Amino acid sequence: DKWFCSNPDAGYAMVLARSEREPGLKGVSLFLLPRDLPDGRHNHYRIL
């Protein structure tokens, strides 16, 4: 869950997520999240 996301229906979003088992900042990576998948379907996330 991401708690405060401005422009939540943007075409792309930069997202921080924990990709490593290391604690703290060392385990966090940066990702680019597309709103839509290549087949045109909405990506697997919801605006609550």
ModelCIF file with pLDDT and N, C-alpha, C, O atoms, coordinates in Angstrom:
data_MODEL
#
_entry.id   MODEL 
#
_entity.id                         1 
_entity.type                       polymer 
_entity.pdbx_number_of_molecules   1 
#
_entity_poly.entity_id                      1 
_entity_poly.type                           'polypeptide(L)' 
_entity_poly.nstd_linkage                   no 
_entity_poly.nstd_monomer                   no 
_entity_poly.pdbx_seq_one_letter_code       DKWFCSNPDAGYAMVLARSEREPGLKGVSLFLLPRDLPDGRHNHYRIL 
_entity_poly.pdbx_seq_one_letter_code_can   DKWFCSNPDAGYAMVLARSEREPGLKGVSLFLLPRDLPDGRHNHYRIL 
_entity_poly.pdbx_strand_id                 A 
#
loop_
_entity_poly_seq.entity_id 
_entity_poly_seq.num 
_entity_poly_seq.mon_id 
_entity_poly_seq.hetero 
1 1  ASP n 
1 2  LYS n 
1 3  TRP n 
1 4  PHE n 
1 5  CYS n 
1 6  SER n 
1 7  ASN n 
1 8  PRO n 
1 9  ASP n 
1 10 ALA n 
1 11 GLY n 
1 12 TYR n 
1 13 ALA n 
1 14 MET n 
1 15 VAL n 
1 16 LEU n 
1 17 ALA n 
1 18 ARG n 
1 19 SER n 
1 20 GLU n 
1 21 ARG n 
1 22 GLU n 
1 23 PRO n 
1 24 GLY n 
1 25 LEU n 
1 26 LYS n 
1 27 GLY n 
1 28 VAL n 
1 29 SER n 
1 30 LEU n 
1 31 PHE n 
1 32 LEU n 
1 33 LEU n 
1 34 PRO n 
1 35 ARG n 
1 36 ASP n 
1 37 LEU n 
1 38 PRO n 
1 39 ASP n 
1 40 GLY n 
1 41 ARG n 
1 42 HIS n 
1 43 ASN n 
1 44 HIS n 
1 45 TYR n 
1 46 ARG n 
1 47 ILE n 
1 48 LEU n 
#
_struct_asym.id          A 
_struct_asym.entity_id   1 
#
loop_
_ma_qa_metric.id 
_ma_qa_metric.mode 
_ma_qa_metric.name 
_ma_qa_metric.software_group_id 
_ma_qa_metric.type 
1 global pLDDT . pLDDT 
2 local  pLDDT . pLDDT 
#
_ma_qa_metric_global.metric_id      1 
_ma_qa_metric_global.metric_value   93.62 
_ma_qa_metric_global.model_id       1 
_ma_qa_metric_global.ordinal_id     1 
#
loop_
_ma_qa_metric_local.label_asym_id 
_ma_qa_metric_local.label_comp_id 
_ma_qa_metric_local.label_seq_id 
_ma_qa_metric_local.metric_id 
_ma_qa_metric_local.metric_value 
_ma_qa_metric_local.model_id 
_ma_qa_metric_local.ordinal_id 
A ASP 1  2 96.00 1 1  
A LYS 2  2 96.00 1 2  
A TRP 3  2 93.00 1 3  
A PHE 4  2 93.00 1 4  
A CYS 5  2 95.00 1 5  
A SER 6  2 95.00 1 6  
A ASN 7  2 97.00 1 7  
A PRO 8  2 97.00 1 8  
A ASP 9  2 96.00 1 9  
A ALA 10 2 98.00 1 10 
A GLY 11 2 98.00 1 11 
A TYR 12 2 98.00 1 12 
A ALA 13 2 97.00 1 13 
A MET 14 2 96.00 1 14 
A VAL 15 2 96.00 1 15 
A LEU 16 2 94.00 1 16 
A ALA 17 2 95.00 1 17 
A ARG 18 2 94.00 1 18 
A SER 19 2 94.00 1 19 
A GLU 20 2 90.00 1 20 
A ARG 21 2 85.00 1 21 
A GLU 22 2 84.00 1 22 
A PRO 23 2 84.00 1 23 
A GLY 24 2 81.00 1 24 
A LEU 25 2 83.00 1 25 
A LYS 26 2 86.00 1 26 
A GLY 27 2 90.00 1 27 
A VAL 28 2 94.00 1 28 
A SER 29 2 95.00 1 29 
A LEU 30 2 96.00 1 30 
A PHE 31 2 97.00 1 31 
A LEU 32 2 98.00 1 32 
A LEU 33 2 98.00 1 33 
A PRO 34 2 98.00 1 34 
A ARG 35 2 97.00 1 35 
A ASP 36 2 95.00 1 36 
A LEU 37 2 94.00 1 37 
A PRO 38 2 91.00 1 38 
A ASP 39 2 92.00 1 39 
A GLY 40 2 90.00 1 40 
A ARG 41 2 91.00 1 41 
A HIS 42 2 93.00 1 42 
A ASN 43 2 96.00 1 43 
A HIS 44 2 96.00 1 44 
A TYR 45 2 96.00 1 45 
A ARG 46 2 95.00 1 46 
A ILE 47 2 96.00 1 47 
A LEU 48 2 95.00 1 48 
#
loop_
_atom_site.group_PDB 
_atom_site.id 
_atom_site.type_symbol 
_atom_site.label_atom_id 
_atom_site.label_alt_id 
_atom_site.label_comp_id 
_atom_site.label_asym_id 
_atom_site.label_entity_id 
_atom_site.label_seq_id 
_atom_site.pdbx_PDB_ins_code 
_atom_site.Cartn_x 
_atom_site.Cartn_y 
_atom_site.Cartn_z 
_atom_site.occupancy 
_atom_site.B_iso_or_equiv 
_atom_site.pdbx_formal_charge 
_atom_site.auth_seq_id 
_atom_site.auth_comp_id 
_atom_site.auth_asym_id 
_atom_site.auth_atom_id 
_atom_site.pdbx_PDB_model_num 
ATOM 1   N N  . ASP A 1 1  ? 0.829   -1.200 0.000   1.00 96.00 ? 1  ASP A N  1 
ATOM 2   C CA . ASP A 1 1  ? 0.000   0.000  0.000   1.00 96.00 ? 1  ASP A CA 1 
ATOM 3   C C  . ASP A 1 1  ? 0.866   1.254  0.000   1.00 96.00 ? 1  ASP A C  1 
ATOM 4   O O  . ASP A 1 1  ? 1.868   1.331  0.710   1.00 96.00 ? 1  ASP A O  1 
ATOM 5   N N  . LYS A 1 2  ? 0.465   2.235  -0.807  1.00 96.00 ? 2  LYS A N  1 
ATOM 6   C CA . LYS A 1 2  ? 1.065   3.561  -0.788  1.00 96.00 ? 2  LYS A CA 1 
ATOM 7   C C  . LYS A 1 2  ? -0.011  4.539  -0.333  1.00 96.00 ? 2  LYS A C  1 
ATOM 8   O O  . LYS A 1 2  ? -1.120  4.548  -0.866  1.00 96.00 ? 2  LYS A O  1 
ATOM 9   N N  . TRP A 1 3  ? 0.324   5.360  0.653   1.00 93.00 ? 3  TRP A N  1 
ATOM 10  C CA . TRP A 1 3  ? -0.672  6.073  1.438   1.00 93.00 ? 3  TRP A CA 1 
ATOM 11  C C  . TRP A 1 3  ? -1.053  7.430  0.850   1.00 93.00 ? 3  TRP A C  1 
ATOM 12  O O  . TRP A 1 3  ? -2.196  7.864  0.996   1.00 93.00 ? 3  TRP A O  1 
ATOM 13  N N  . PHE A 1 4  ? -0.106  8.113  0.182   1.00 93.00 ? 4  PHE A N  1 
ATOM 14  C CA . PHE A 1 4  ? -0.401  9.460  -0.329  1.00 93.00 ? 4  PHE A CA 1 
ATOM 15  C C  . PHE A 1 4  ? 0.216   9.592  -1.709  1.00 93.00 ? 4  PHE A C  1 
ATOM 16  O O  . PHE A 1 4  ? 1.417   9.827  -1.843  1.00 93.00 ? 4  PHE A O  1 
ATOM 17  N N  . CYS A 1 5  ? -0.609  9.439  -2.729  1.00 95.00 ? 5  CYS A N  1 
ATOM 18  C CA . CYS A 1 5  ? -0.136  9.409  -4.115  1.00 95.00 ? 5  CYS A CA 1 
ATOM 19  C C  . CYS A 1 5  ? -0.858  10.483 -4.913  1.00 95.00 ? 5  CYS A C  1 
ATOM 20  O O  . CYS A 1 5  ? -2.027  10.319 -5.261  1.00 95.00 ? 5  CYS A O  1 
ATOM 21  N N  . SER A 1 6  ? -0.173  11.571 -5.202  1.00 95.00 ? 6  SER A N  1 
ATOM 22  C CA . SER A 1 6  ? -0.783  12.612 -6.017  1.00 95.00 ? 6  SER A CA 1 
ATOM 23  C C  . SER A 1 6  ? -0.717  12.222 -7.489  1.00 95.00 ? 6  SER A C  1 
ATOM 24  O O  . SER A 1 6  ? 0.205   11.537 -7.931  1.00 95.00 ? 6  SER A O  1 
ATOM 25  N N  . ASN A 1 7  ? -1.725  12.679 -8.237  1.00 97.00 ? 7  ASN A N  1 
ATOM 26  C CA . ASN A 1 7  ? -1.876  12.290 -9.641  1.00 97.00 ? 7  ASN A CA 1 
ATOM 27  C C  . ASN A 1 7  ? -1.929  10.763 -9.758  1.00 97.00 ? 7  ASN A C  1 
ATOM 28  O O  . ASN A 1 7  ? -1.148  10.185 -10.513 1.00 97.00 ? 7  ASN A O  1 
ATOM 29  N N  . PRO A 1 8  ? -2.826  10.102 -9.031  1.00 97.00 ? 8  PRO A N  1 
ATOM 30  C CA . PRO A 1 8  ? -2.774  8.642  -8.905  1.00 97.00 ? 8  PRO A CA 1 
ATOM 31  C C  . PRO A 1 8  ? -3.105  7.876  -10.179 1.00 97.00 ? 8  PRO A C  1 
ATOM 32  O O  . PRO A 1 8  ? -2.814  6.684  -10.280 1.00 97.00 ? 8  PRO A O  1 
ATOM 33  N N  . ASP A 1 9  ? -3.714  8.553  -11.153 1.00 96.00 ? 9  ASP A N  1 
ATOM 34  C CA . ASP A 1 9  ? -4.013  7.861  -12.411 1.00 96.00 ? 9  ASP A CA 1 
ATOM 35  C C  . ASP A 1 9  ? -3.022  8.233  -13.504 1.00 96.00 ? 9  ASP A C  1 
ATOM 36  O O  . ASP A 1 9  ? -3.333  8.117  -14.689 1.00 96.00 ? 9  ASP A O  1 
ATOM 37  N N  . ALA A 1 10 ? -1.829  8.680  -13.114 1.00 98.00 ? 10 ALA A N  1 
ATOM 38  C CA . ALA A 1 10 ? -0.807  9.048  -14.090 1.00 98.00 ? 10 ALA A CA 1 
ATOM 39  C C  . ALA A 1 10 ? -0.418  7.857  -14.962 1.00 98.00 ? 10 ALA A C  1 
ATOM 40  O O  . ALA A 1 10 ? -0.548  6.703  -14.553 1.00 98.00 ? 10 ALA A O  1 
ATOM 41  N N  . GLY A 1 11 ? 0.050   8.149  -16.143 1.00 98.00 ? 11 GLY A N  1 
ATOM 42  C CA . GLY A 1 11 ? 0.473   7.078  -17.051 1.00 98.00 ? 11 GLY A CA 1 
ATOM 43  C C  . GLY A 1 11 ? 1.639   6.284  -16.515 1.00 98.00 ? 11 GLY A C  1 
ATOM 44  O O  . GLY A 1 11 ? 1.727   5.078  -16.748 1.00 98.00 ? 11 GLY A O  1 
ATOM 45  N N  . TYR A 1 12 ? 2.546   6.944  -15.794 1.00 98.00 ? 12 TYR A N  1 
ATOM 46  C CA . TYR A 1 12 ? 3.702   6.283  -15.187 1.00 98.00 ? 12 TYR A CA 1 
ATOM 47  C C  . TYR A 1 12 ? 3.948   6.869  -13.802 1.00 98.00 ? 12 TYR A C  1 
ATOM 48  O O  . TYR A 1 12 ? 3.690   8.048  -13.562 1.00 98.00 ? 12 TYR A O  1 
ATOM 49  N N  . ALA A 1 13 ? 4.446   6.039  -12.898 1.00 97.00 ? 13 ALA A N  1 
ATOM 50  C CA . ALA A 1 13 ? 4.808   6.512  -11.566 1.00 97.00 ? 13 ALA A CA 1 
ATOM 51  C C  . ALA A 1 13 ? 6.120   5.873  -11.140 1.00 97.00 ? 13 ALA A C  1 
ATOM 52  O O  . ALA A 1 13 ? 6.354   4.688  -11.379 1.00 97.00 ? 13 ALA A O  1 
ATOM 53  N N  . MET A 1 14 ? 6.974   6.669  -10.508 1.00 96.00 ? 14 MET A N  1 
ATOM 54  C CA . MET A 1 14 ? 8.153   6.139  -9.849  1.00 96.00 ? 14 MET A CA 1 
ATOM 55  C C  . MET A 1 14 ? 7.743   5.641  -8.464  1.00 96.00 ? 14 MET A C  1 
ATOM 56  O O  . MET A 1 14 ? 7.080   6.352  -7.709  1.00 96.00 ? 14 MET A O  1 
ATOM 57  N N  . VAL A 1 15 ? 8.150   4.393  -8.135  1.00 96.00 ? 15 VAL A N  1 
ATOM 58  C CA . VAL A 1 15 ? 7.717   3.755  -6.893  1.00 96.00 ? 15 VAL A CA 1 
ATOM 59  C C  . VAL A 1 15 ? 8.931   3.177  -6.166  1.00 96.00 ? 15 VAL A C  1 
ATOM 60  O O  . VAL A 1 15 ? 9.798   2.561  -6.785  1.00 96.00 ? 15 VAL A O  1 
ATOM 61  N N  . LEU A 1 16 ? 8.985   3.377  -4.871  1.00 94.00 ? 16 LEU A N  1 
ATOM 62  C CA . LEU A 1 16 ? 9.997   2.728  -4.039  1.00 94.00 ? 16 LEU A CA 1 
ATOM 63  C C  . LEU A 1 16 ? 9.417   1.451  -3.441  1.00 94.00 ? 16 LEU A C  1 
ATOM 64  O O  . LEU A 1 16 ? 8.302   1.447  -2.918  1.00 94.00 ? 16 LEU A O  1 
ATOM 65  N N  . ALA A 1 17 ? 10.186  0.366  -3.526  1.00 95.00 ? 17 ALA A N  1 
ATOM 66  C CA . ALA A 1 17 ? 9.746   -0.913 -2.969  1.00 95.00 ? 17 ALA A CA 1 
ATOM 67  C C  . ALA A 1 17 ? 10.960  -1.694 -2.495  1.00 95.00 ? 17 ALA A C  1 
ATOM 68  O O  . ALA A 1 17 ? 12.071  -1.499 -2.989  1.00 95.00 ? 17 ALA A O  1 
ATOM 69  N N  . ARG A 1 18 ? 10.739  -2.574 -1.538  1.00 94.00 ? 18 ARG A N  1 
ATOM 70  C CA . ARG A 1 18 ? 11.828  -3.353 -0.950  1.00 94.00 ? 18 ARG A CA 1 
ATOM 71  C C  . ARG A 1 18 ? 12.068  -4.604 -1.789  1.00 94.00 ? 18 ARG A C  1 
ATOM 72  O O  . ARG A 1 18 ? 11.240  -5.514 -1.834  1.00 94.00 ? 18 ARG A O  1 
ATOM 73  N N  . SER A 1 19 ? 13.222  -4.624 -2.449  1.00 94.00 ? 19 SER A N  1 
ATOM 74  C CA . SER A 1 19 ? 13.571  -5.747 -3.324  1.00 94.00 ? 19 SER A CA 1 
ATOM 75  C C  . SER A 1 19 ? 14.595  -6.689 -2.689  1.00 94.00 ? 19 SER A C  1 
ATOM 76  O O  . SER A 1 19 ? 14.793  -7.801 -3.179  1.00 94.00 ? 19 SER A O  1 
ATOM 77  N N  . GLU A 1 20 ? 15.247  -6.257 -1.602  1.00 90.00 ? 20 GLU A N  1 
ATOM 78  C CA . GLU A 1 20 ? 16.313  -7.033 -0.979  1.00 90.00 ? 20 GLU A CA 1 
ATOM 79  C C  . GLU A 1 20 ? 15.920  -7.359 0.467   1.00 90.00 ? 20 GLU A C  1 
ATOM 80  O O  . GLU A 1 20 ? 15.050  -6.709 1.046   1.00 90.00 ? 20 GLU A O  1 
ATOM 81  N N  . ARG A 1 21 ? 16.557  -8.346 1.022   1.00 85.00 ? 21 ARG A N  1 
ATOM 82  C CA . ARG A 1 21 ? 16.288  -8.735 2.408   1.00 85.00 ? 21 ARG A CA 1 
ATOM 83  C C  . ARG A 1 21 ? 16.979  -7.826 3.408   1.00 85.00 ? 21 ARG A C  1 
ATOM 84  O O  . ARG A 1 21 ? 16.670  -7.871 4.599   1.00 85.00 ? 21 ARG A O  1 
ATOM 85  N N  . GLU A 1 22 ? 17.905  -7.008 2.946   1.00 84.00 ? 22 GLU A N  1 
ATOM 86  C CA . GLU A 1 22 ? 18.628  -6.111 3.841   1.00 84.00 ? 22 GLU A CA 1 
ATOM 87  C C  . GLU A 1 22 ? 17.672  -5.078 4.428   1.00 84.00 ? 22 GLU A C  1 
ATOM 88  O O  . GLU A 1 22 ? 16.796  -4.576 3.723   1.00 84.00 ? 22 GLU A O  1 
ATOM 89  N N  . PRO A 1 23 ? 17.830  -4.758 5.704   1.00 84.00 ? 23 PRO A N  1 
ATOM 90  C CA . PRO A 1 23 ? 16.965  -3.749 6.326   1.00 84.00 ? 23 PRO A CA 1 
ATOM 91  C C  . PRO A 1 23 ? 17.385  -2.341 5.911   1.00 84.00 ? 23 PRO A C  1 
ATOM 92  O O  . PRO A 1 23 ? 18.459  -2.132 5.349   1.00 84.00 ? 23 PRO A O  1 
ATOM 93  N N  . GLY A 1 24 ? 16.511  -1.388 6.204   1.00 81.00 ? 24 GLY A N  1 
ATOM 94  C CA . GLY A 1 24 ? 16.850  0.008  5.964   1.00 81.00 ? 24 GLY A CA 1 
ATOM 95  C C  . GLY A 1 24 ? 16.851  0.370  4.491   1.00 81.00 ? 24 GLY A C  1 
ATOM 96  O O  . GLY A 1 24 ? 16.237  -0.307 3.667   1.00 81.00 ? 24 GLY A O  1 
ATOM 97  N N  . LEU A 1 25 ? 17.554  1.454  4.176   1.00 83.00 ? 25 LEU A N  1 
ATOM 98  C CA . LEU A 1 25 ? 17.562  1.967  2.808   1.00 83.00 ? 25 LEU A CA 1 
ATOM 99  C C  . LEU A 1 25 ? 18.248  1.020  1.832   1.00 83.00 ? 25 LEU A C  1 
ATOM 100 O O  . LEU A 1 25 ? 17.949  1.048  0.638   1.00 83.00 ? 25 LEU A O  1 
ATOM 101 N N  . LYS A 1 26 ? 19.165  0.180  2.316   1.00 86.00 ? 26 LYS A N  1 
ATOM 102 C CA . LYS A 1 26 ? 19.924  -0.683 1.411   1.00 86.00 ? 26 LYS A CA 1 
ATOM 103 C C  . LYS A 1 26 ? 19.048  -1.687 0.674   1.00 86.00 ? 26 LYS A C  1 
ATOM 104 O O  . LYS A 1 26 ? 19.426  -2.177 -0.390  1.00 86.00 ? 26 LYS A O  1 
ATOM 105 N N  . GLY A 1 27 ? 17.887  -1.993 1.229   1.00 90.00 ? 27 GLY A N  1 
ATOM 106 C CA . GLY A 1 27 ? 17.040  -2.985 0.585   1.00 90.00 ? 27 GLY A CA 1 
ATOM 107 C C  . GLY A 1 27 ? 15.991  -2.404 -0.338  1.00 90.00 ? 27 GLY A C  1 
ATOM 108 O O  . GLY A 1 27 ? 15.179  -3.146 -0.892  1.00 90.00 ? 27 GLY A O  1 
ATOM 109 N N  . VAL A 1 28 ? 15.990  -1.053 -0.522  1.00 94.00 ? 28 VAL A N  1 
ATOM 110 C CA . VAL A 1 28 ? 14.940  -0.388 -1.287  1.00 94.00 ? 28 VAL A CA 1 
ATOM 111 C C  . VAL A 1 28 ? 15.421  -0.081 -2.696  1.00 94.00 ? 28 VAL A C  1 
ATOM 112 O O  . VAL A 1 28 ? 16.520  0.442  -2.883  1.00 94.00 ? 28 VAL A O  1 
ATOM 113 N N  . SER A 1 29 ? 14.598  -0.407 -3.687  1.00 95.00 ? 29 SER A N  1 
ATOM 114 C CA . SER A 1 29 ? 14.922  -0.141 -5.090  1.00 95.00 ? 29 SER A CA 1 
ATOM 115 C C  . SER A 1 29 ? 13.860  0.758  -5.705  1.00 95.00 ? 29 SER A C  1 
ATOM 116 O O  . SER A 1 29 ? 12.765  0.922  -5.166  1.00 95.00 ? 29 SER A O  1 
ATOM 117 N N  . LEU A 1 30 ? 14.214  1.335  -6.849  1.00 96.00 ? 30 LEU A N  1 
ATOM 118 C CA . LEU A 1 30 ? 13.325  2.245  -7.560  1.00 96.00 ? 30 LEU A CA 1 
ATOM 119 C C  . LEU A 1 30 ? 12.730  1.543  -8.770  1.00 96.00 ? 30 LEU A C  1 
ATOM 120 O O  . LEU A 1 30 ? 13.438  0.863  -9.513  1.00 96.00 ? 30 LEU A O  1 
ATOM 121 N N  . PHE A 1 31 ? 11.427  1.710  -8.965  1.00 97.00 ? 31 PHE A N  1 
ATOM 122 C CA . PHE A 1 31 ? 10.725  1.058  -10.060 1.00 97.00 ? 31 PHE A CA 1 
ATOM 123 C C  . PHE A 1 31 ? 9.863   2.074  -10.817 1.00 97.00 ? 31 PHE A C  1 
ATOM 124 O O  . PHE A 1 31 ? 9.402   3.071  -10.261 1.00 97.00 ? 31 PHE A O  1 
ATOM 125 N N  . LEU A 1 32 ? 9.667   1.782  -12.098 1.00 98.00 ? 32 LEU A N  1 
ATOM 126 C CA . LEU A 1 32 ? 8.747   2.560  -12.918 1.00 98.00 ? 32 LEU A CA 1 
ATOM 127 C C  . LEU A 1 32 ? 7.488   1.728  -13.130 1.00 98.00 ? 32 LEU A C  1 
ATOM 128 O O  . LEU A 1 32 ? 7.533   0.636  -13.697 1.00 98.00 ? 32 LEU A O  1 
ATOM 129 N N  . LEU A 1 33 ? 6.365   2.268  -12.662 1.00 98.00 ? 33 LEU A N  1 
ATOM 130 C CA . LEU A 1 33 ? 5.089   1.564  -12.693 1.00 98.00 ? 33 LEU A CA 1 
ATOM 131 C C  . LEU A 1 33 ? 4.218   2.134  -13.811 1.00 98.00 ? 33 LEU A C  1 
ATOM 132 O O  . LEU A 1 33 ? 3.864   3.311  -13.761 1.00 98.00 ? 33 LEU A O  1 
ATOM 133 N N  . PRO A 1 34 ? 3.859   1.323  -14.830 1.00 98.00 ? 34 PRO A N  1 
ATOM 134 C CA . PRO A 1 34 ? 2.941   1.820  -15.858 1.00 98.00 ? 34 PRO A CA 1 
ATOM 135 C C  . PRO A 1 34 ? 1.490   1.673  -15.415 1.00 98.00 ? 34 PRO A C  1 
ATOM 136 O O  . PRO A 1 34 ? 1.148   0.716  -14.720 1.00 98.00 ? 34 PRO A O  1 
ATOM 137 N N  . ARG A 1 35 ? 0.654   2.592  -15.801 1.00 97.00 ? 35 ARG A N  1 
ATOM 138 C CA . ARG A 1 35 ? -0.761  2.473  -15.468 1.00 97.00 ? 35 ARG A CA 1 
ATOM 139 C C  . ARG A 1 35 ? -1.399  1.316  -16.221 1.00 97.00 ? 35 ARG A C  1 
ATOM 140 O O  . ARG A 1 35 ? -2.240  0.601  -15.676 1.00 97.00 ? 35 ARG A O  1 
ATOM 141 N N  . ASP A 1 36 ? -0.995  1.130  -17.487 1.00 95.00 ? 36 ASP A N  1 
ATOM 142 C CA . ASP A 1 36 ? -1.613  0.124  -18.342 1.00 95.00 ? 36 ASP A CA 1 
ATOM 143 C C  . ASP A 1 36 ? -0.597  -0.922 -18.779 1.00 95.00 ? 36 ASP A C  1 
ATOM 144 O O  . ASP A 1 36 ? 0.582   -0.623 -18.963 1.00 95.00 ? 36 ASP A O  1 
ATOM 145 N N  . LEU A 1 37 ? -1.069  -2.140 -18.939 1.00 94.00 ? 37 LEU A N  1 
ATOM 146 C CA . LEU A 1 37 ? -0.242  -3.238 -19.429 1.00 94.00 ? 37 LEU A CA 1 
ATOM 147 C C  . LEU A 1 37 ? -0.183  -3.207 -20.958 1.00 94.00 ? 37 LEU A C  1 
ATOM 148 O O  . LEU A 1 37 ? -0.998  -2.537 -21.593 1.00 94.00 ? 37 LEU A O  1 
ATOM 149 N N  . PRO A 1 38 ? 0.771   -3.924 -21.553 1.00 91.00 ? 38 PRO A N  1 
ATOM 150 C CA . PRO A 1 38 ? 0.896   -3.896 -23.025 1.00 91.00 ? 38 PRO A CA 1 
ATOM 151 C C  . PRO A 1 38 ? -0.368  -4.300 -23.772 1.00 91.00 ? 38 PRO A C  1 
ATOM 152 O O  . PRO A 1 38 ? -0.592  -3.842 -24.893 1.00 91.00 ? 38 PRO A O  1 
ATOM 153 N N  . ASP A 1 39 ? -1.207  -5.157 -23.167 1.00 92.00 ? 39 ASP A N  1 
ATOM 154 C CA . ASP A 1 39 ? -2.431  -5.582 -23.855 1.00 92.00 ? 39 ASP A CA 1 
ATOM 155 C C  . ASP A 1 39 ? -3.590  -4.601 -23.655 1.00 92.00 ? 39 ASP A C  1 
ATOM 156 O O  . ASP A 1 39 ? -4.710  -4.875 -24.084 1.00 92.00 ? 39 ASP A O  1 
ATOM 157 N N  . GLY A 1 40 ? -3.327  -3.459 -23.006 1.00 90.00 ? 40 GLY A N  1 
ATOM 158 C CA . GLY A 1 40 ? -4.350  -2.441 -22.818 1.00 90.00 ? 40 GLY A CA 1 
ATOM 159 C C  . GLY A 1 40 ? -5.090  -2.537 -21.506 1.00 90.00 ? 40 GLY A C  1 
ATOM 160 O O  . GLY A 1 40 ? -5.813  -1.608 -21.145 1.00 90.00 ? 40 GLY A O  1 
ATOM 161 N N  . ARG A 1 41 ? -4.935  -3.635 -20.775 1.00 91.00 ? 41 ARG A N  1 
ATOM 162 C CA . ARG A 1 41 ? -5.597  -3.757 -19.478 1.00 91.00 ? 41 ARG A CA 1 
ATOM 163 C C  . ARG A 1 41 ? -4.914  -2.876 -18.431 1.00 91.00 ? 41 ARG A C  1 
ATOM 164 O O  . ARG A 1 41 ? -3.725  -2.570 -18.511 1.00 91.00 ? 41 ARG A O  1 
ATOM 165 N N  . HIS A 1 42 ? -5.722  -2.488 -17.453 1.00 93.00 ? 42 HIS A N  1 
ATOM 166 C CA . HIS A 1 42 ? -5.163  -1.716 -16.351 1.00 93.00 ? 42 HIS A CA 1 
ATOM 167 C C  . HIS A 1 42 ? -4.207  -2.601 -15.550 1.00 93.00 ? 42 HIS A C  1 
ATOM 168 O O  . HIS A 1 42 ? -4.484  -3.779 -15.326 1.00 93.00 ? 42 HIS A O  1 
ATOM 169 N N  . ASN A 1 43 ? -3.090  -2.031 -15.125 1.00 96.00 ? 43 ASN A N  1 
ATOM 170 C CA . ASN A 1 43 ? -2.111  -2.755 -14.322 1.00 96.00 ? 43 ASN A CA 1 
ATOM 171 C C  . ASN A 1 43 ? -2.747  -3.172 -12.989 1.00 96.00 ? 43 ASN A C  1 
ATOM 172 O O  . ASN A 1 43 ? -3.806  -2.678 -12.602 1.00 96.00 ? 43 ASN A O  1 
ATOM 173 N N  . HIS A 1 44 ? -2.074  -4.084 -12.314 1.00 96.00 ? 44 HIS A N  1 
ATOM 174 C CA . HIS A 1 44 ? -2.664  -4.719 -11.132 1.00 96.00 ? 44 HIS A CA 1 
ATOM 175 C C  . HIS A 1 44 ? -2.488  -3.858 -9.877  1.00 96.00 ? 44 HIS A C  1 
ATOM 176 O O  . HIS A 1 44 ? -1.767  -4.226 -8.950  1.00 96.00 ? 44 HIS A O  1 
ATOM 177 N N  . TYR A 1 45 ? -3.159  -2.711 -9.872  1.00 96.00 ? 45 TYR A N  1 
ATOM 178 C CA . TYR A 1 45 ? -3.245  -1.900 -8.663  1.00 96.00 ? 45 TYR A CA 1 
ATOM 179 C C  . TYR A 1 45 ? -4.548  -1.127 -8.690  1.00 96.00 ? 45 TYR A C  1 
ATOM 180 O O  . TYR A 1 45 ? -5.136  -0.897 -9.747  1.00 96.00 ? 45 TYR A O  1 
ATOM 181 N N  . ARG A 1 46 ? -4.988  -0.730 -7.498  1.00 95.00 ? 46 ARG A N  1 
ATOM 182 C CA . ARG A 1 46 ? -6.257  -0.035 -7.366  1.00 95.00 ? 46 ARG A CA 1 
ATOM 183 C C  . ARG A 1 46 ? -6.070  1.282  -6.625  1.00 95.00 ? 46 ARG A C  1 
ATOM 184 O O  . ARG A 1 46 ? -5.232  1.394  -5.730  1.00 95.00 ? 46 ARG A O  1 
ATOM 185 N N  . ILE A 1 47 ? -6.865  2.275  -7.014  1.00 96.00 ? 47 ILE A N  1 
ATOM 186 C CA . ILE A 1 47 ? -6.979  3.502  -6.237  1.00 96.00 ? 47 ILE A CA 1 
ATOM 187 C C  . ILE A 1 47 ? -8.115  3.267  -5.238  1.00 96.00 ? 47 ILE A C  1 
ATOM 188 O O  . ILE A 1 47 ? -9.278  3.146  -5.626  1.00 96.00 ? 47 ILE A O  1 
ATOM 189 N N  . LEU A 1 48 ? -7.771  3.205  -3.967  1.00 95.00 ? 48 LEU A N  1 
ATOM 190 C CA . LEU A 1 48 ? -8.772  2.858  -2.955  1.00 95.00 ? 48 LEU A CA 1 
ATOM 191 C C  . LEU A 1 48 ? -9.715  4.017  -2.647  1.00 95.00 ? 48 LEU A C  1 
ATOM 192 O O  . LEU A 1 48 ? -10.612 3.879  -1.815  1.00 95.00 ? 48 LEU A O  1 
#
